[in-house]
Amino acid sequence: MVYAGAAANVAVERGLCPLGTEFAHPLHYVDMQADGRRGAPSRYPGARAERVKEVRYMYKYQRFDPGAVSSGNKAEDAPVYASRDEGWIANGAGWILAGYIEDRSGTLRAQTPAELTQCVGCHSGNARDPERQYEYFTSAPGATVDSTWAFPRQLTGDAGWREMGYLGFVADRPGSTPGRATRRDPLNRTDGRGEFQLFLEHVVGASLYGDMPESMDRFMDSTVRKAKGYSADWVAVDTRSAGSFADSMATRQLLIREMTARGEHVDEAGAPRASLFYPTEAESLQAARRYRQVVVTQRYELGKDVFADTPITLQYHRKESTAFSHQDGTPYLLGEKITDRPIDTRPTSFTYGVGIGDTLIDPDLPFEAEGTYFPDYVPLIK
């Protein structure tokens, strides 16, 4: 009925952290030989190198009642309060966010408000504006609870109270990577499917950009074959036309769902297959080298991911029926990098400056007919 620790005299409110809650989240560089065992190059498990690239911090300073906010009002007009000197920003839902990141020499420094807007993009929510007397939406994914993933994504039992081990990652020595997972794909408490399975079935790619690493593509090409009972051989992304692009992506989605239905995305113990879940040593080193460019240039506010090639999903491959242009009206060419999208240009509109391009996510398209909309997703795992 009450919280633990310093909040032991505070009654529990379901889905809310008590005032004064603090979270610290260090982000490490990746080392595919780091599994926490004796003789590993790092004391930390889960492919985490000794070196930290960033530290993120949250402090709950104000009570926030999500029940007082309507889900239908999502005008993105929330004011942002931040301190450049102290390196923090308010998220509009009761939390102060702070971040410390490498300077050019590799020493951690406080992040600027411009850099901290990335934090607000994920750790924020609805809040009431006392002057306007209506709720505004400050952006955020729908899978957070009280602005964080900390408790809803926590594994149950003892597995949820230990160093993060990336599903029990064990490096296969000597020198071979990526190693393997020793814990099964966590189950979604509501849906019953594994979280990694849900991700594969709805994202199609393998990252938040919707792209797929070469090592994963190679696994799919060797596994998904018509001779093994699949409806077709694994296909490459076809960018010759907008139609061929859509067709090839739809085929890949179908084949991924056939793979998860057969359970071939996990091993005999139910753990995600390493080739689908972990980077190779070469891929992790390449990512670190590219990130070094961001550290040296100190251009974090422009993003922290540097790609060898522009991901397919950041290139323009739309059919004429769903086309959009640059903000100046210039049409996009097939394969052109997407640098801007149409926005609401009416100064009197509540959505002034907000994107108005069609996302192509069809909420009425069922999962069985290639639909990816998942409104009932609950971010609780076990």
Protein backbone atom coordinates (compact mmCIF):
# COMPACT_ATOMS: atom_id res chain seq x y z
CA MET A 1 0.00 0.00 0.00
CA VAL A 2 3.02 2.30 0.36
CA TYR A 3 6.26 2.83 -1.54
CA ALA A 4 9.64 1.53 -0.33
CA GLY A 5 12.73 3.31 0.97
CA ALA A 6 12.51 7.05 1.62
CA ALA A 7 8.87 7.07 0.45
CA ALA A 8 7.77 4.33 2.88
CA ASN A 9 5.18 6.68 4.40
CA VAL A 10 3.64 7.65 1.04
CA ALA A 11 0.58 5.83 -0.29
CA VAL A 12 1.11 4.14 -3.65
CA GLU A 13 -0.56 5.68 -6.71
CA ARG A 14 -0.74 3.13 -9.48
CA GLY A 15 1.50 4.02 -12.39
CA LEU A 16 3.16 6.98 -10.67
CA CYS A 17 6.53 7.41 -9.01
CA PRO A 18 6.57 9.33 -5.69
CA LEU A 19 7.91 12.88 -5.48
CA GLY A 20 11.68 12.95 -5.13
CA THR A 21 12.24 9.86 -7.28
CA GLU A 22 15.61 9.91 -9.04
CA PHE A 23 16.88 7.84 -11.96
CA ALA A 24 20.41 7.78 -13.35
CA HIS A 25 21.14 6.02 -16.63
CA PRO A 26 24.76 5.68 -17.85
CA LEU A 27 25.18 4.90 -21.56
CA HIS A 28 28.31 2.89 -22.29
CA TYR A 29 30.21 2.24 -25.46
CA VAL A 30 29.71 -1.29 -26.83
CA ASP A 31 32.29 -4.06 -26.38
CA MET A 32 31.19 -7.41 -27.76
CA GLN A 33 33.61 -9.27 -25.47
CA ALA A 34 32.20 -7.63 -22.32
CA ASP A 35 29.93 -10.03 -20.46
CA GLY A 36 30.96 -9.44 -16.84
CA ARG A 37 32.85 -12.71 -16.51
CA ARG A 38 36.38 -13.02 -15.11
CA GLY A 39 38.93 -11.99 -17.71
CA ALA A 40 36.47 -9.90 -19.75
CA PRO A 41 37.70 -6.47 -20.92
CA SER A 42 35.05 -4.70 -18.82
CA ARG A 43 33.67 -5.21 -15.32
CA TYR A 44 30.15 -4.69 -16.70
CA PRO A 45 27.90 -7.33 -18.30
CA GLY A 46 25.67 -6.86 -21.32
CA ALA A 47 28.31 -5.89 -23.92
CA ARG A 48 29.01 -2.65 -22.03
CA ALA A 49 32.51 -1.26 -22.33
CA GLU A 50 34.17 0.45 -19.35
CA ARG A 51 33.94 3.83 -21.05
CA VAL A 52 30.76 5.88 -20.58
CA LYS A 53 29.62 8.08 -23.46
CA GLU A 54 26.71 9.78 -21.70
CA VAL A 55 24.88 9.93 -18.34
CA ARG A 56 21.17 10.74 -18.18
CA TYR A 57 19.35 11.79 -15.01
CA MET A 58 15.73 12.41 -13.99
CA TYR A 59 14.26 13.92 -10.82
CA LYS A 60 10.53 14.11 -10.06
CA TYR A 61 9.89 17.53 -8.56
CA GLN A 62 6.15 17.99 -9.14
CA ARG A 63 3.06 15.82 -8.86
CA PHE A 64 1.48 14.91 -12.19
CA ASP A 65 -1.98 13.39 -12.61
CA PRO A 66 -2.39 11.77 -16.05
CA GLY A 67 -6.05 11.11 -15.26
CA ALA A 68 -6.75 14.85 -15.49
CA VAL A 69 -5.56 14.98 -19.09
CA SER A 70 -7.70 14.09 -22.08
CA SER A 71 -6.06 11.86 -24.66
CA GLY A 72 -7.65 13.63 -27.60
CA ASN A 73 -6.03 17.05 -27.11
CA LYS A 74 -2.47 16.93 -28.43
CA ALA A 75 -1.57 20.43 -29.54
CA GLU A 76 2.23 20.60 -29.38
CA ASP A 77 2.48 24.09 -27.93
CA ALA A 78 4.01 23.36 -24.53
CA PRO A 79 6.48 25.91 -23.14
CA VAL A 80 9.95 24.54 -22.39
CA TYR A 81 11.86 25.63 -19.29
CA ALA A 82 15.58 24.89 -19.19
CA SER A 83 18.86 26.03 -17.67
CA ARG A 84 21.88 26.37 -19.92
CA ASP A 85 24.29 26.81 -17.00
CA GLU A 86 23.04 23.92 -14.86
CA GLY A 87 22.24 21.57 -17.75
CA TRP A 88 18.59 20.65 -17.09
CA ILE A 89 15.21 20.89 -18.78
CA ALA A 90 11.63 20.44 -17.51
CA ASN A 91 9.58 17.84 -19.37
CA GLY A 92 6.11 19.33 -18.81
CA ALA A 93 4.96 16.36 -16.73
CA GLY A 94 6.61 16.84 -13.36
CA TRP A 95 10.19 15.80 -14.06
CA ILE A 96 13.52 17.62 -14.39
CA LEU A 97 15.78 15.97 -16.97
CA ALA A 98 19.54 16.44 -17.01
CA GLY A 99 22.27 15.02 -19.20
CA TYR A 100 26.04 14.88 -19.25
CA ILE A 101 27.87 14.07 -22.47
CA GLU A 102 31.43 13.98 -23.80
CA ASP A 103 33.17 17.20 -24.78
CA ARG A 104 35.80 17.19 -27.53
CA SER A 105 38.41 15.75 -25.16
CA GLY A 106 36.10 13.00 -23.90
CA THR A 107 35.30 14.57 -20.51
CA LEU A 108 31.64 14.64 -19.50
CA ARG A 109 29.98 18.07 -19.57
CA ALA A 110 26.43 19.32 -18.95
CA GLN A 111 24.20 19.20 -22.01
CA THR A 112 22.70 22.34 -23.53
CA PRO A 113 18.93 22.97 -23.76
CA ALA A 114 19.11 22.26 -27.52
CA GLU A 115 20.70 18.89 -26.82
CA LEU A 116 18.24 18.11 -24.03
CA THR A 117 15.24 18.46 -26.34
CA GLN A 118 16.06 14.91 -27.46
CA CYS A 119 15.38 13.79 -23.88
CA VAL A 120 12.04 15.62 -23.78
CA GLY A 121 11.09 13.92 -27.05
CA CYS A 122 10.91 10.57 -25.25
CA HIS A 123 10.41 11.47 -21.58
CA SER A 124 7.43 13.80 -21.53
CA GLY A 125 3.66 13.75 -21.66
CA ASN A 126 0.40 15.63 -21.26
CA ALA A 127 0.09 18.49 -18.76
CA ARG A 128 -2.48 21.18 -17.96
CA ASP A 129 -1.84 24.81 -18.86
CA PRO A 130 -3.23 26.89 -15.95
CA GLU A 131 -3.54 30.03 -18.11
CA ARG A 132 -5.43 28.45 -21.01
CA GLN A 133 -7.32 25.87 -18.92
CA TYR A 134 -6.81 23.05 -21.39
CA GLU A 135 -4.31 20.23 -21.73
CA TYR A 136 -1.39 20.36 -24.09
CA PHE A 137 0.76 17.57 -25.41
CA THR A 138 4.52 17.92 -25.18
CA SER A 139 5.39 14.86 -27.28
CA ALA A 140 6.42 11.40 -26.10
CA PRO A 141 6.06 7.77 -27.15
CA GLY A 142 3.05 5.89 -25.86
CA ALA A 143 5.05 3.20 -24.04
CA THR A 144 6.23 5.24 -21.06
CA VAL A 145 4.59 5.23 -17.64
CA ASP A 146 5.01 8.46 -15.66
CA SER A 147 7.51 9.60 -18.33
CA THR A 148 9.85 6.61 -17.88
CA TRP A 149 10.43 3.02 -18.97
CA ALA A 150 12.11 2.15 -15.68
CA PHE A 151 9.30 0.23 -13.97
CA PRO A 152 7.10 -1.00 -16.85
CA ARG A 153 10.15 -2.45 -18.61
CA GLN A 154 11.57 -4.01 -15.47
CA LEU A 155 11.73 -7.80 -15.57
CA THR A 156 9.87 -9.57 -12.80
CA GLY A 157 11.58 -11.18 -9.80
CA ASP A 158 15.31 -11.20 -9.19
CA ALA A 159 15.99 -10.63 -12.90
CA GLY A 160 14.69 -7.09 -12.48
CA TRP A 161 17.09 -6.14 -9.67
CA ARG A 162 20.57 -6.57 -11.10
CA GLU A 163 23.03 -5.01 -13.54
CA MET A 164 21.51 -4.80 -17.01
CA GLY A 165 22.86 -7.85 -18.83
CA TYR A 166 21.25 -7.55 -22.26
CA LEU A 167 19.27 -10.80 -21.70
CA GLY A 168 22.23 -12.52 -20.10
CA PHE A 169 24.71 -11.86 -22.92
CA VAL A 170 27.67 -14.25 -22.96
CA ALA A 171 30.57 -13.65 -25.34
CA ASP A 172 31.76 -16.70 -27.24
CA ARG A 173 35.51 -16.60 -26.78
CA PRO A 174 38.03 -16.45 -28.23
CA GLY A 175 37.29 -13.61 -30.62
CA SER A 176 34.07 -14.83 -32.18
CA THR A 177 31.08 -12.53 -31.97
CA PRO A 178 28.32 -11.69 -31.33
CA GLY A 179 27.96 -14.22 -28.52
CA ARG A 180 24.56 -15.34 -27.31
CA ALA A 181 21.66 -14.57 -24.98
CA THR A 182 21.05 -16.86 -22.02
CA ARG A 183 17.58 -15.56 -21.05
CA ARG A 184 14.42 -16.01 -23.07
CA ASP A 185 12.56 -13.28 -24.91
CA PRO A 186 10.55 -11.46 -22.18
CA LEU A 187 6.80 -11.93 -22.55
CA ASN A 188 4.39 -9.04 -22.85
CA ARG A 189 2.07 -9.43 -19.85
CA THR A 190 -1.04 -8.46 -21.81
CA ASP A 191 -0.39 -9.82 -25.28
CA GLY A 192 1.47 -12.99 -24.31
CA ARG A 193 3.95 -12.80 -27.17
CA GLY A 194 7.63 -12.07 -26.68
CA GLU A 195 8.64 -8.41 -26.79
CA PHE A 196 11.28 -9.06 -29.45
CA GLN A 197 8.70 -10.95 -31.48
CA LEU A 198 6.26 -8.02 -31.25
CA PHE A 199 9.02 -5.64 -32.32
CA LEU A 200 9.97 -7.71 -35.38
CA GLU A 201 6.35 -8.16 -36.45
CA HIS A 202 5.50 -4.46 -36.33
CA VAL A 203 8.70 -2.60 -37.21
CA VAL A 204 9.78 -4.73 -40.22
CA GLY A 205 13.34 -3.39 -39.96
CA ALA A 206 15.55 -3.89 -36.94
CA SER A 207 16.05 -0.41 -35.54
CA LEU A 208 14.03 2.70 -34.77
CA TYR A 209 14.97 3.89 -38.26
CA GLY A 210 13.42 0.82 -39.84
CA ASP A 211 16.70 -0.26 -41.43
CA MET A 212 18.42 -3.63 -41.08
CA PRO A 213 22.12 -4.33 -40.34
CA GLU A 214 24.04 -6.40 -42.90
CA SER A 215 24.62 -9.22 -40.41
CA MET A 216 20.88 -9.55 -39.75
CA ASP A 217 20.13 -9.36 -43.47
CA ARG A 218 22.57 -12.22 -44.07
CA PHE A 219 20.84 -14.32 -41.40
CA MET A 220 17.45 -13.67 -42.97
CA ASP A 221 18.76 -14.53 -46.43
CA SER A 222 20.14 -17.89 -45.26
CA THR A 223 17.13 -18.75 -43.06
CA VAL A 224 14.11 -17.53 -45.00
CA ARG A 225 14.07 -19.71 -48.09
CA LYS A 226 11.22 -21.21 -50.08
CA ALA A 227 13.01 -24.57 -49.93
CA LYS A 228 12.60 -24.44 -46.13
CA GLY A 229 8.86 -23.95 -46.27
CA TYR A 230 8.56 -20.16 -46.53
CA SER A 231 6.22 -18.59 -49.06
CA ALA A 232 9.17 -16.95 -50.85
CA ASP A 233 12.90 -16.45 -50.60
CA TRP A 234 14.11 -13.45 -48.61
CA VAL A 235 14.13 -10.40 -50.89
CA ALA A 236 16.35 -7.34 -51.09
CA VAL A 237 14.78 -3.88 -50.82
CA ASP A 238 13.90 -2.81 -54.37
CA THR A 239 14.29 0.95 -54.88
CA ARG A 240 13.80 1.06 -58.67
CA SER A 241 10.36 2.62 -58.22
CA ALA A 242 7.95 3.60 -55.46
CA GLY A 243 5.81 0.59 -56.29
CA SER A 244 8.68 -1.92 -56.22
CA PHE A 245 9.87 -0.42 -52.93
CA ALA A 246 6.44 -0.87 -51.31
CA ASP A 247 6.11 -4.40 -52.70
CA SER A 248 9.53 -5.52 -51.48
CA MET A 249 8.96 -4.08 -48.00
CA ALA A 250 5.56 -5.80 -47.81
CA THR A 251 7.19 -9.11 -48.78
CA ARG A 252 9.88 -8.68 -46.13
CA GLN A 253 7.20 -7.96 -43.52
CA LEU A 254 5.25 -11.09 -44.51
CA LEU A 255 8.40 -13.25 -44.35
CA ILE A 256 9.44 -11.86 -40.95
CA ARG A 257 6.00 -12.72 -39.59
CA GLU A 258 6.28 -16.21 -41.06
CA MET A 259 9.64 -16.56 -39.28
CA THR A 260 8.26 -15.49 -35.88
CA ALA A 261 5.23 -17.76 -36.33
CA ARG A 262 7.66 -20.66 -36.78
CA GLY A 263 9.65 -19.52 -33.74
CA GLU A 264 12.88 -19.26 -35.72
CA HIS A 265 13.69 -15.83 -34.28
CA VAL A 266 14.60 -17.56 -31.00
CA ASP A 267 16.82 -20.51 -30.13
CA GLU A 268 15.83 -23.78 -28.47
CA ALA A 269 15.78 -22.09 -25.04
CA GLY A 270 13.54 -19.25 -26.25
CA ALA A 271 16.32 -16.63 -26.26
CA PRO A 272 16.58 -14.23 -29.24
CA ARG A 273 19.00 -15.49 -31.85
CA ALA A 274 22.27 -13.61 -31.57
CA SER A 275 22.42 -12.73 -35.28
CA LEU A 276 19.11 -10.90 -34.94
CA PHE A 277 19.71 -9.32 -31.54
CA TYR A 278 23.39 -8.32 -31.18
CA PRO A 279 25.78 -6.39 -33.43
CA THR A 280 28.94 -8.05 -34.63
CA GLU A 281 32.24 -6.78 -33.31
CA ALA A 282 32.93 -5.09 -36.66
CA GLU A 283 29.53 -3.36 -36.64
CA SER A 284 29.96 -2.08 -33.08
CA LEU A 285 33.43 -0.71 -33.86
CA GLN A 286 32.17 1.00 -37.00
CA ALA A 287 29.35 2.61 -35.01
CA ALA A 288 31.84 3.86 -32.39
CA ARG A 289 34.08 5.35 -35.08
CA ARG A 290 31.16 7.18 -36.63
CA TYR A 291 29.98 8.43 -33.22
CA ARG A 292 33.49 9.81 -32.69
CA GLN A 293 32.70 12.28 -35.49
CA VAL A 294 29.81 13.64 -33.41
CA VAL A 295 32.00 13.92 -30.30
CA VAL A 296 34.75 15.82 -32.14
CA THR A 297 32.34 18.20 -33.89
CA GLN A 298 30.09 18.59 -30.80
CA ARG A 299 26.98 18.54 -32.98
CA TYR A 300 24.79 16.40 -30.72
CA GLU A 301 21.78 18.62 -31.27
CA LEU A 302 21.72 17.41 -34.89
CA GLY A 303 21.54 13.77 -33.80
CA LYS A 304 23.86 11.10 -32.43
CA ASP A 305 23.60 8.48 -35.16
CA VAL A 306 25.99 8.62 -38.11
CA PHE A 307 25.36 6.15 -40.90
CA ALA A 308 27.74 4.76 -43.49
CA ASP A 309 24.85 5.17 -45.94
CA THR A 310 21.54 6.99 -45.56
CA PRO A 311 18.94 4.46 -44.33
CA ILE A 312 16.30 3.52 -46.87
CA THR A 313 13.57 4.86 -44.60
CA LEU A 314 15.13 8.37 -44.70
CA GLN A 315 14.89 8.42 -48.50
CA TYR A 316 11.82 9.41 -50.50
CA HIS A 317 10.00 6.42 -52.03
CA ARG A 318 6.36 7.53 -52.12
CA LYS A 319 3.77 6.74 -54.73
CA GLU A 320 2.03 9.64 -56.49
CA SER A 321 -1.17 9.03 -54.52
CA THR A 322 0.61 9.66 -51.20
CA ALA A 323 3.25 12.15 -52.34
CA PHE A 324 4.37 15.23 -50.43
CA SER A 325 6.76 18.03 -51.39
CA HIS A 326 9.44 20.12 -49.74
CA GLN A 327 8.12 23.01 -47.65
CA ASP A 328 8.94 25.37 -50.53
CA GLY A 329 6.74 23.31 -52.85
CA THR A 330 9.56 21.61 -54.77
CA PRO A 331 8.66 17.99 -55.54
CA TYR A 332 10.79 15.23 -54.06
CA LEU A 333 12.65 12.95 -56.46
CA LEU A 334 12.69 9.16 -56.06
CA GLY A 335 15.42 8.19 -53.62
CA GLU A 336 16.12 11.77 -52.49
CA LYS A 337 17.08 12.26 -48.85
CA ILE A 338 14.12 13.59 -46.86
CA THR A 339 15.25 16.87 -45.31
CA ASP A 340 11.91 18.56 -44.57
CA ARG A 341 8.20 17.82 -44.57
CA PRO A 342 5.04 19.91 -45.01
CA ILE A 343 3.87 21.76 -41.90
CA ASP A 344 0.80 23.76 -40.89
CA THR A 345 1.66 27.33 -41.91
CA ARG A 346 -1.49 29.03 -40.52
CA PRO A 347 -0.34 31.35 -37.69
CA THR A 348 -3.80 31.28 -36.06
CA SER A 349 -3.95 27.50 -35.94
CA PHE A 350 -3.39 25.51 -32.75
CA THR A 351 -1.19 23.17 -34.82
CA TYR A 352 0.91 25.95 -36.38
CA GLY A 353 4.33 24.56 -37.27
CA VAL A 354 3.24 20.94 -36.79
CA GLY A 355 3.75 18.38 -39.55
CA ILE A 356 0.71 17.66 -41.73
CA GLY A 357 2.12 14.94 -43.99
CA ASP A 358 0.29 11.60 -44.10
CA THR A 359 2.18 8.97 -42.08
CA LEU A 360 0.66 6.08 -44.10
CA ILE A 361 -0.14 4.28 -40.83
CA ASP A 362 -3.63 2.90 -41.39
CA PRO A 363 -5.41 2.36 -38.02
CA ASP A 364 -8.14 0.35 -39.72
CA LEU A 365 -5.81 -2.15 -41.42
CA PRO A 366 -5.79 -5.41 -39.40
CA PHE A 367 -2.56 -7.14 -38.45
CA GLU A 368 -3.40 -10.09 -40.74
CA ALA A 369 -3.56 -7.71 -43.72
CA GLU A 370 -0.12 -6.12 -43.15
CA GLY A 371 -1.37 -3.64 -40.54
CA THR A 372 1.20 -2.34 -38.06
CA TYR A 373 -1.01 -0.09 -35.91
CA PHE A 374 -1.08 -1.44 -32.34
CA PRO A 375 -3.27 0.85 -30.16
CA ASP A 376 -3.68 -1.68 -27.32
CA TYR A 377 0.03 -2.22 -26.68
CA VAL A 378 0.86 -2.29 -22.96
CA PRO A 379 4.57 -1.86 -22.04
CA LEU A 380 4.58 -4.36 -19.19
CA ILE A 381 6.86 -7.40 -19.49
CA LYS A 382 7.74 -10.45 -17.44
